[in-house]
Amino acid sequence: MFVTANGTKIETMLPCTIEEFLLRQDLLPRSVVVEHNGAAVAPSEFAQRWLQAGDRLEIVKIVAGG
């Protein structure tokens, strides 16, 4: 099954949560901001929000610095 993340089609085992998907992509859930099918998702919801085939994600890494 596929989801689209940042415009790239990615094959993954579905259904899975956003948190599981992020970890499979070697992304720490606390270090990203996620939009799921056009809606912002609070980090506290990553473990409860389920992905299905065809879903779209926008994932932005948080970078700290000065």
C-alpha atoms as a PDB file:
ATOM      1  CA  MET A   1       0.000   0.000   0.000  1.00  0.00           C
ATOM      2  CA  PHE A   2       1.095   3.572  -0.617  1.00  0.00           C
ATOM      3  CA  VAL A   3       0.836   6.963   1.043  1.00  0.00           C
ATOM      4  CA  THR A   4       2.201  10.204  -0.342  1.00  0.00           C
ATOM      5  CA  ALA A   5       4.614  12.095   1.888  1.00  0.00           C
ATOM      6  CA  ASN A   6       5.901  15.489   0.760  1.00  0.00           C
ATOM      7  CA  GLY A   7       4.874  14.672  -2.797  1.00  0.00           C
ATOM      8  CA  THR A   8       6.641  11.287  -2.892  1.00  0.00           C
ATOM      9  CA  LYS A   9       4.717   8.028  -3.093  1.00  0.00           C
ATOM     10  CA  ILE A  10       5.988   5.718  -0.328  1.00  0.00           C
ATOM     11  CA  GLU A  11       5.165   2.040   0.053  1.00  0.00           C
ATOM     12  CA  THR A  12       4.391   1.026   3.633  1.00  0.00           C
ATOM     13  CA  MET A  13       2.421  -1.557   5.576  1.00  0.00           C
ATOM     14  CA  LEU A  14      -1.084  -0.226   6.200  1.00  0.00           C
ATOM     15  CA  PRO A  15      -3.006   0.502   8.237  1.00  0.00           C
ATOM     16  CA  CYS A  16      -0.512   2.118  10.588  1.00  0.00           C
ATOM     17  CA  THR A  17      -0.451   5.190  12.772  1.00  0.00           C
ATOM     18  CA  ILE A  18       1.339   8.393  11.864  1.00  0.00           C
ATOM     19  CA  GLU A  19       3.789   7.646  14.673  1.00  0.00           C
ATOM     20  CA  GLU A  20       4.583   4.195  13.238  1.00  0.00           C
ATOM     21  CA  PHE A  21       5.025   5.668   9.767  1.00  0.00           C
ATOM     22  CA  LEU A  22       7.387   8.364  11.022  1.00  0.00           C
ATOM     23  CA  LEU A  23       9.522   5.839  12.889  1.00  0.00           C
ATOM     24  CA  ARG A  24       9.723   3.641   9.753  1.00  0.00           C
ATOM     25  CA  GLN A  25      11.066   6.698   7.919  1.00  0.00           C
ATOM     26  CA  ASP A  26      13.697   7.220  10.652  1.00  0.00           C
ATOM     27  CA  LEU A  27      11.978  10.403  11.843  1.00  0.00           C
ATOM     28  CA  LEU A  28      11.495  11.121  15.524  1.00  0.00           C
ATOM     29  CA  PRO A  29       7.850  12.100  16.092  1.00  0.00           C
ATOM     30  CA  ARG A  30       8.851  14.908  18.465  1.00  0.00           C
ATOM     31  CA  SER A  31      11.060  16.500  15.792  1.00  0.00           C
ATOM     32  CA  VAL A  32       8.439  17.030  13.057  1.00  0.00           C
ATOM     33  CA  VAL A  33       5.220  18.860  12.248  1.00  0.00           C
ATOM     34  CA  VAL A  34       2.664  16.823  10.278  1.00  0.00           C
ATOM     35  CA  GLU A  35      -0.302  17.652   8.075  1.00  0.00           C
ATOM     36  CA  HIS A  36      -2.574  14.674   7.242  1.00  0.00           C
ATOM     37  CA  ASN A  37      -4.877  15.043   4.240  1.00  0.00           C
ATOM     38  CA  GLY A  38      -4.718  18.831   4.558  1.00  0.00           C
ATOM     39  CA  ALA A  39      -5.286  19.062   8.329  1.00  0.00           C
ATOM     40  CA  ALA A  40      -2.629  19.797  10.940  1.00  0.00           C
ATOM     41  CA  VAL A  41      -2.109  16.973  13.444  1.00  0.00           C
ATOM     42  CA  ALA A  42      -1.059  17.621  17.044  1.00  0.00           C
ATOM     43  CA  PRO A  43       1.927  15.506  18.112  1.00  0.00           C
ATOM     44  CA  SER A  44      -0.231  14.036  20.882  1.00  0.00           C
ATOM     45  CA  GLU A  45      -2.455  12.516  18.153  1.00  0.00           C
ATOM     46  CA  PHE A  46       0.326  10.796  16.145  1.00  0.00           C
ATOM     47  CA  ALA A  47      -0.178   7.465  17.952  1.00  0.00           C
ATOM     48  CA  GLN A  48      -3.980   7.543  17.462  1.00  0.00           C
ATOM     49  CA  ARG A  49      -4.269   8.845  13.874  1.00  0.00           C
ATOM     50  CA  TRP A  50      -4.432   5.970  11.384  1.00  0.00           C
ATOM     51  CA  LEU A  51      -3.167   6.109   7.804  1.00  0.00           C
ATOM     52  CA  GLN A  52      -4.938   4.427   4.917  1.00  0.00           C
ATOM     53  CA  ALA A  53      -3.908   3.830   1.302  1.00  0.00           C
ATOM     54  CA  GLY A  54      -3.869   7.048  -0.705  1.00  0.00           C
ATOM     55  CA  ASP A  55      -3.499   9.375   2.279  1.00  0.00           C
ATOM     56  CA  ARG A  56      -1.315  12.454   1.882  1.00  0.00           C
ATOM     57  CA  LEU A  57       1.172  13.729   4.449  1.00  0.00           C
ATOM     58  CA  GLU A  58       3.242  16.871   4.598  1.00  0.00           C
ATOM     59  CA  ILE A  59       6.100  16.442   7.053  1.00  0.00           C
ATOM     60  CA  VAL A  60       8.357  19.307   8.121  1.00  0.00           C
ATOM     61  CA  LYS A  61      11.411  18.767  10.313  1.00  0.00           C
ATOM     62  CA  ILE A  62      11.769  21.172  13.196  1.00  0.00           C
ATOM     63  CA  VAL A  63      15.208  22.785  13.268  1.00  0.00           C
ATOM     64  CA  ALA A  64      16.474  24.738  16.253  1.00  0.00           C
ATOM     65  CA  GLY A  65      19.207  27.264  16.045  1.00  0.00           C
ATOM     66  CA  GLY A  66      20.059  30.880  16.215  1.00  0.00           C
END
